[in-house]
C-alpha atoms as a PDB file:
ATOM      1  CA  MET A   1     159.040  56.021  99.752  1.00  0.00           C
ATOM      2  CA  GLY A   2     160.077  59.073  97.523  1.00  0.00           C
ATOM      3  CA  GLN A   3     160.771  61.215 100.481  1.00  0.00           C
ATOM      4  CA  LEU A   4     162.968  58.361 102.133  1.00  0.00           C
ATOM      5  CA  MET A   5     165.067  58.203  98.978  1.00  0.00           C
ATOM      6  CA  LEU A   6     165.654  62.021  98.873  1.00  0.00           C
ATOM      7  CA  LEU A   7     166.683  61.858 102.555  1.00  0.00           C
ATOM      8  CA  PHE A   8     169.298  59.057 101.692  1.00  0.00           C
ATOM      9  CA  ARG A   9     170.519  61.152  98.785  1.00  0.00           C
ATOM     10  CA  CYS A  10     171.072  64.276 100.879  1.00  0.00           C
ATOM     11  CA  LEU A  11     172.921  62.197 103.595  1.00  0.00           C
ATOM     12  CA  GLY A  12     175.110  60.776 101.025  1.00  0.00           C
ATOM     13  CA  CYS A  13     175.900  64.262  99.629  1.00  0.00           C
ATOM     14  CA  ASP A  14     176.563  65.960 103.104  1.00  0.00           C
ATOM     15  CA  ASP A  15     180.056  65.591 104.299  1.00  0.00           C
ATOM     16  CA  THR A  16     180.178  68.171 106.801  1.00  0.00           C
ATOM     17  CA  GLY A  17     181.423  65.865 109.506  1.00  0.00           C
ATOM     18  CA  ALA A  18     183.984  64.123 107.341  1.00  0.00           C
ATOM     19  CA  VAL A  19     186.770  66.387 108.479  1.00  0.00           C
ATOM     20  CA  THR A  20     185.903  65.527 112.335  1.00  0.00           C
ATOM     21  CA  THR A  21     186.090  61.940 111.387  1.00  0.00           C
ATOM     22  CA  ASP A  22     189.407  62.208 109.905  1.00  0.00           C
ATOM     23  CA  TRP A  23     190.986  64.151 112.718  1.00  0.00           C
ATOM     24  CA  VAL A  24     189.659  61.585 115.231  1.00  0.00           C
ATOM     25  CA  ALA A  25     191.052  58.739 113.317  1.00  0.00           C
ATOM     26  CA  ALA A  26     194.551  60.513 112.618  1.00  0.00           C
ATOM     27  CA  SER A  27     194.583  61.492 116.633  1.00  0.00           C
ATOM     28  CA  SER A  28     193.961  57.963 117.449  1.00  0.00           C
ATOM     29  CA  LEU A  29     196.468  56.600 115.278  1.00  0.00           C
ATOM     30  CA  SER A  30     199.076  58.847 116.438  1.00  0.00           C
ATOM     31  CA  LEU A  31     198.196  58.155 120.190  1.00  0.00           C
ATOM     32  CA  LEU A  32     198.450  54.473 119.380  1.00  0.00           C
ATOM     33  CA  LEU A  33     201.949  54.823 117.738  1.00  0.00           C
ATOM     34  CA  GLY A  34     203.064  56.662 120.565  1.00  0.00           C
ATOM     35  CA  MET A  35     202.066  54.277 123.094  1.00  0.00           C
ATOM     36  CA  MET A  36     203.807  51.403 121.051  1.00  0.00           C
ATOM     37  CA  VAL A  37     207.056  53.503 121.028  1.00  0.00           C
ATOM     38  CA  GLY A  38     206.717  54.103 124.747  1.00  0.00           C
ATOM     39  CA  TYR A  39     206.050  50.538 125.597  1.00  0.00           C
ATOM     40  CA  ALA A  40     209.122  49.550 123.389  1.00  0.00           C
ATOM     41  CA  VAL A  41     211.298  51.964 124.875  1.00  0.00           C
ATOM     42  CA  PHE A  42     210.500  51.480 128.518  1.00  0.00           C
ATOM     43  CA  ASN A  43     209.873  47.832 128.627  1.00  0.00           C
ATOM     44  CA  ILE A  44     212.481  46.591 126.258  1.00  0.00           C
ATOM     45  CA  GLY A  45     215.146  49.253 126.508  1.00  0.00           C
ATOM     46  CA  VAL A  46     214.846  50.183 130.231  1.00  0.00           C
ATOM     47  CA  SER A  47     214.599  46.445 131.409  1.00  0.00           C
ATOM     48  CA  SER A  48     217.558  45.290 129.475  1.00  0.00           C
ATOM     49  CA  LEU A  49     219.545  48.306 130.966  1.00  0.00           C
ATOM     50  CA  VAL A  50     218.522  47.199 134.399  1.00  0.00           C
ATOM     51  CA  VAL A  51     219.760  43.782 133.972  1.00  0.00           C
ATOM     52  CA  GLU A  52     223.229  44.888 132.609  1.00  0.00           C
ATOM     53  CA  VAL A  53     223.623  47.476 135.618  1.00  0.00           C
ATOM     54  CA  ASN A  54     222.388  44.914 138.052  1.00  0.00           C
ATOM     55  CA  ALA A  55     224.929  42.368 136.787  1.00  0.00           C
ATOM     56  CA  LEU A  56     227.612  45.080 137.221  1.00  0.00           C
ATOM     57  CA  ILE A  57     226.647  45.691 140.787  1.00  0.00           C
ATOM     58  CA  VAL A  58     226.609  41.872 141.524  1.00  0.00           C
ATOM     59  CA  SER A  59     230.020  41.598 139.969  1.00  0.00           C
ATOM     60  CA  ALA A  60     231.422  44.690 141.796  1.00  0.00           C
ATOM     61  CA  ASP A  61     230.354  43.049 145.142  1.00  0.00           C
ATOM     62  CA  ASP A  62     232.322  39.935 144.452  1.00  0.00           C
ATOM     63  CA  ILE A  63     235.481  41.874 144.758  1.00  0.00           C
ATOM     64  CA  ASP A  64     237.298  41.481 147.904  1.00  0.00           C
ATOM     65  CA  PRO A  65     238.658  44.924 148.960  1.00  0.00           C
ATOM     66  CA  GLY A  66     241.441  43.108 151.023  1.00  0.00           C
ATOM     67  CA  THR A  67     242.903  41.879 148.135  1.00  0.00           C
ATOM     68  CA  ALA A  68     243.051  44.860 145.816  1.00  0.00           C
ATOM     69  CA  THR A  69     246.269  46.606 145.167  1.00  0.00           C
ATOM     70  CA  PRO A  70     246.629  50.287 145.678  1.00  0.00           C
ATOM     71  CA  MET A  71     246.870  52.415 142.594  1.00  0.00           C
ATOM     72  CA  ASN A  72     250.222  54.323 142.198  1.00  0.00           C
ATOM     73  CA  ASP A  73     249.377  58.095 141.956  1.00  0.00           C
ATOM     74  CA  GLY A  74     252.761  59.037 140.487  1.00  0.00           C
ATOM     75  CA  GLY A  75     253.810  60.680 143.664  1.00  0.00           C
END
């Protein structure tokens, strides 16, 4: 029983793997944050941009070129 308690005390004092654990946690947090930002930019920003461009294209298709008046080029 004494050797088991000594082993647990030594394991509690040994912090050689703590830096690795910190780096793994920091790396996974930064990766998760990057994925969230990428999702927000591409899913929300790009999709609204696509909707706006599509609306402009549809409204441009509705213009009848035969009724358009030519621009005066000042010549």
